[in-house]
N, C-alpha and C. Protein backbone atom coordinates (compact mmCIF):
# COMPACT_ATOMS: atom_id res chain seq x y z
N MET A 1 9.03 -10.60 17.02
CA MET A 1 7.79 -9.89 16.80
C MET A 1 7.19 -10.36 15.47
N THR A 2 5.92 -10.72 15.49
CA THR A 2 5.28 -11.20 14.27
C THR A 2 5.02 -10.04 13.33
N GLN A 3 4.83 -10.36 12.06
CA GLN A 3 4.53 -9.35 11.04
C GLN A 3 3.27 -8.57 11.43
N GLU A 4 2.25 -9.29 11.89
CA GLU A 4 0.98 -8.65 12.26
C GLU A 4 1.15 -7.69 13.43
N SER A 5 1.89 -8.10 14.44
CA SER A 5 2.07 -7.22 15.59
C SER A 5 2.94 -6.02 15.23
N LEU A 6 3.89 -6.21 14.33
CA LEU A 6 4.72 -5.10 13.87
C LEU A 6 3.89 -4.10 13.08
N VAL A 7 3.02 -4.59 12.22
CA VAL A 7 2.14 -3.70 11.45
C VAL A 7 1.21 -2.95 12.40
N ASP A 8 0.66 -3.63 13.39
CA ASP A 8 -0.19 -2.97 14.39
C ASP A 8 0.57 -1.86 15.11
N ARG A 9 1.80 -2.17 15.49
CA ARG A 9 2.63 -1.17 16.17
C ARG A 9 2.89 0.03 15.27
N LEU A 10 3.24 -0.23 14.03
CA LEU A 10 3.51 0.87 13.10
C LEU A 10 2.26 1.69 12.82
N MET A 11 1.11 1.03 12.73
CA MET A 11 -0.15 1.77 12.54
C MET A 11 -0.40 2.72 13.72
N ALA A 12 -0.02 2.30 14.90
CA ALA A 12 -0.24 3.12 16.09
C ALA A 12 0.80 4.23 16.24
N GLU A 13 2.03 3.97 15.77
CA GLU A 13 3.13 4.88 16.09
C GLU A 13 3.70 5.65 14.91
N ASN A 14 3.46 5.23 13.69
CA ASN A 14 4.16 5.82 12.55
C ASN A 14 3.16 6.45 11.58
N GLU A 15 3.18 7.77 11.52
CA GLU A 15 2.24 8.51 10.66
C GLU A 15 2.43 8.17 9.19
N GLU A 16 3.68 8.07 8.73
CA GLU A 16 3.94 7.74 7.32
C GLU A 16 3.38 6.37 6.97
N PHE A 17 3.57 5.41 7.86
CA PHE A 17 3.06 4.06 7.61
C PHE A 17 1.54 4.07 7.52
N ARG A 18 0.88 4.80 8.44
CA ARG A 18 -0.59 4.90 8.41
C ARG A 18 -1.06 5.51 7.09
N ARG A 19 -0.38 6.59 6.67
CA ARG A 19 -0.76 7.25 5.42
C ARG A 19 -0.58 6.31 4.22
N LEU A 20 0.55 5.62 4.19
CA LEU A 20 0.82 4.70 3.09
C LEU A 20 -0.19 3.56 3.04
N ARG A 21 -0.53 3.03 4.20
CA ARG A 21 -1.51 1.92 4.24
C ARG A 21 -2.88 2.40 3.78
N SER A 22 -3.25 3.60 4.19
CA SER A 22 -4.52 4.17 3.76
C SER A 22 -4.53 4.38 2.25
N GLU A 23 -3.44 4.94 1.72
CA GLU A 23 -3.34 5.14 0.27
C GLU A 23 -3.41 3.81 -0.47
N HIS A 24 -2.70 2.81 0.03
CA HIS A 24 -2.68 1.48 -0.60
C HIS A 24 -4.09 0.91 -0.66
N GLN A 25 -4.83 1.02 0.43
CA GLN A 25 -6.20 0.52 0.47
C GLN A 25 -7.11 1.30 -0.48
N HIS A 26 -6.90 2.61 -0.55
CA HIS A 26 -7.69 3.45 -1.46
C HIS A 26 -7.43 3.05 -2.92
N TYR A 27 -6.16 2.86 -3.27
CA TYR A 27 -5.82 2.44 -4.63
C TYR A 27 -6.45 1.10 -4.95
N ASP A 28 -6.42 0.18 -4.00
CA ASP A 28 -7.00 -1.15 -4.20
C ASP A 28 -8.51 -1.06 -4.43
N THR A 29 -9.18 -0.22 -3.65
CA THR A 29 -10.62 -0.04 -3.80
C THR A 29 -10.95 0.54 -5.17
N GLU A 30 -10.19 1.54 -5.60
CA GLU A 30 -10.43 2.13 -6.91
C GLU A 30 -10.16 1.13 -8.04
N LEU A 31 -9.11 0.33 -7.87
CA LEU A 31 -8.81 -0.71 -8.86
C LEU A 31 -9.96 -1.70 -8.98
N GLU A 32 -10.47 -2.15 -7.85
CA GLU A 32 -11.58 -3.10 -7.87
C GLU A 32 -12.80 -2.51 -8.57
N SER A 33 -13.04 -1.24 -8.33
CA SER A 33 -14.16 -0.55 -8.97
C SER A 33 -13.98 -0.52 -10.49
N LEU A 34 -12.78 -0.21 -10.93
CA LEU A 34 -12.52 -0.16 -12.37
C LEU A 34 -12.56 -1.54 -13.01
N ARG A 35 -12.13 -2.54 -12.28
CA ARG A 35 -12.15 -3.90 -12.83
C ARG A 35 -13.57 -4.39 -13.07
N GLY A 36 -14.52 -3.80 -12.37
CA GLY A 36 -15.92 -4.16 -12.58
C GLY A 36 -16.51 -3.53 -13.82
N THR A 37 -15.76 -2.65 -14.46
CA THR A 37 -16.19 -1.97 -15.68
C THR A 37 -15.62 -2.71 -16.88
N ALA A 38 -16.49 -3.12 -17.77
CA ALA A 38 -16.00 -3.82 -18.97
C ALA A 38 -16.79 -3.36 -20.17
N PRO A 39 -16.19 -3.08 -21.24
CA PRO A 39 -14.74 -2.95 -21.44
C PRO A 39 -14.24 -1.60 -20.93
N LEU A 40 -12.96 -1.55 -20.62
CA LEU A 40 -12.36 -0.31 -20.13
C LEU A 40 -12.02 0.61 -21.29
N SER A 41 -12.27 1.91 -21.07
CA SER A 41 -11.85 2.89 -22.06
C SER A 41 -10.33 3.04 -21.97
N ALA A 42 -9.74 3.74 -22.92
CA ALA A 42 -8.29 3.96 -22.89
C ALA A 42 -7.90 4.73 -21.63
N GLU A 43 -8.72 5.71 -21.25
CA GLU A 43 -8.45 6.49 -20.05
C GLU A 43 -8.55 5.63 -18.80
N GLN A 44 -9.54 4.75 -18.74
CA GLN A 44 -9.69 3.86 -17.59
C GLN A 44 -8.53 2.88 -17.51
N GLN A 45 -8.09 2.37 -18.65
CA GLN A 45 -6.95 1.45 -18.67
C GLN A 45 -5.69 2.15 -18.19
N TRP A 46 -5.52 3.40 -18.60
CA TRP A 46 -4.38 4.18 -18.15
C TRP A 46 -4.44 4.34 -16.64
N ARG A 47 -5.63 4.63 -16.10
CA ARG A 47 -5.80 4.81 -14.66
C ARG A 47 -5.51 3.50 -13.91
N VAL A 48 -5.94 2.36 -14.46
CA VAL A 48 -5.65 1.06 -13.85
C VAL A 48 -4.13 0.88 -13.74
N ASN A 49 -3.42 1.17 -14.81
CA ASN A 49 -1.96 1.02 -14.80
C ASN A 49 -1.32 1.96 -13.79
N GLU A 50 -1.82 3.20 -13.74
CA GLU A 50 -1.29 4.17 -12.79
C GLU A 50 -1.55 3.71 -11.34
N LEU A 51 -2.75 3.22 -11.07
CA LEU A 51 -3.10 2.75 -9.72
C LEU A 51 -2.23 1.58 -9.31
N LYS A 52 -1.96 0.67 -10.23
CA LYS A 52 -1.11 -0.48 -9.91
C LYS A 52 0.28 -0.01 -9.50
N LYS A 53 0.81 0.98 -10.23
CA LYS A 53 2.14 1.50 -9.90
C LYS A 53 2.14 2.22 -8.56
N LEU A 54 1.12 3.04 -8.32
CA LEU A 54 1.03 3.76 -7.05
C LEU A 54 0.89 2.80 -5.88
N LYS A 55 0.07 1.77 -6.07
CA LYS A 55 -0.15 0.77 -5.04
C LYS A 55 1.16 0.04 -4.72
N LEU A 56 1.91 -0.32 -5.75
CA LEU A 56 3.19 -1.00 -5.57
C LEU A 56 4.21 -0.10 -4.87
N MET A 57 4.24 1.18 -5.24
CA MET A 57 5.16 2.10 -4.59
C MET A 57 4.84 2.24 -3.10
N ALA A 58 3.56 2.32 -2.77
CA ALA A 58 3.16 2.41 -1.37
C ALA A 58 3.56 1.14 -0.61
N LYS A 59 3.32 -0.01 -1.23
CA LYS A 59 3.66 -1.28 -0.58
C LYS A 59 5.18 -1.40 -0.38
N ASP A 60 5.94 -1.01 -1.41
CA ASP A 60 7.40 -1.06 -1.30
C ASP A 60 7.90 -0.18 -0.15
N ARG A 61 7.32 1.01 -0.01
CA ARG A 61 7.75 1.91 1.06
C ARG A 61 7.35 1.34 2.43
N MET A 62 6.16 0.76 2.52
CA MET A 62 5.75 0.14 3.78
C MET A 62 6.71 -0.99 4.15
N GLU A 63 7.07 -1.81 3.18
CA GLU A 63 8.02 -2.91 3.43
C GLU A 63 9.37 -2.38 3.86
N SER A 64 9.78 -1.26 3.27
CA SER A 64 11.04 -0.64 3.66
C SER A 64 11.01 -0.19 5.11
N ILE A 65 9.89 0.41 5.52
CA ILE A 65 9.73 0.83 6.91
C ILE A 65 9.78 -0.38 7.83
N ILE A 66 9.09 -1.44 7.46
CA ILE A 66 9.09 -2.67 8.27
C ILE A 66 10.50 -3.23 8.41
N ARG A 67 11.23 -3.29 7.29
CA ARG A 67 12.62 -3.80 7.35
C ARG A 67 13.49 -2.93 8.26
N HIS A 68 13.31 -1.63 8.16
CA HIS A 68 14.09 -0.71 8.98
C HIS A 68 13.78 -0.91 10.47
N VAL A 69 12.51 -1.06 10.80
CA VAL A 69 12.12 -1.26 12.20
C VAL A 69 12.64 -2.61 12.70
N ARG A 70 12.52 -3.64 11.87
CA ARG A 70 13.02 -4.96 12.28
C ARG A 70 14.52 -4.92 12.54
N ALA A 71 15.26 -4.21 11.69
CA ALA A 71 16.71 -4.09 11.88
C ALA A 71 17.01 -3.40 13.20
N GLY A 72 16.21 -2.40 13.56
CA GLY A 72 16.39 -1.71 14.83
C GLY A 72 16.02 -2.56 16.02
N VAL A 73 15.01 -3.42 15.84
CA VAL A 73 14.55 -4.29 16.92
C VAL A 73 15.56 -5.40 17.18
N THR A 74 16.13 -5.96 16.12
CA THR A 74 17.03 -7.09 16.29
C THR A 74 18.46 -6.65 16.58
N ALA A 75 18.77 -5.37 16.30
CA ALA A 75 20.15 -4.89 16.52
C ALA A 75 20.43 -4.62 17.97
């Protein structure tokens, strides 16, 4: 199963995966918006750092779900 088809399947079947992907996209959109602001205030810079961490945590959890599903598919 390709990565793309697995992601499609998880988007259709897994509520947590859908939520995480939505959050990841939201964080990315907010980051892009802040990056268009120059110079960043201290509060904006703090928010950029927070968004990067949140985005990474969401991606890590999505990857964990994918690995778990792949292990179940190949086992």
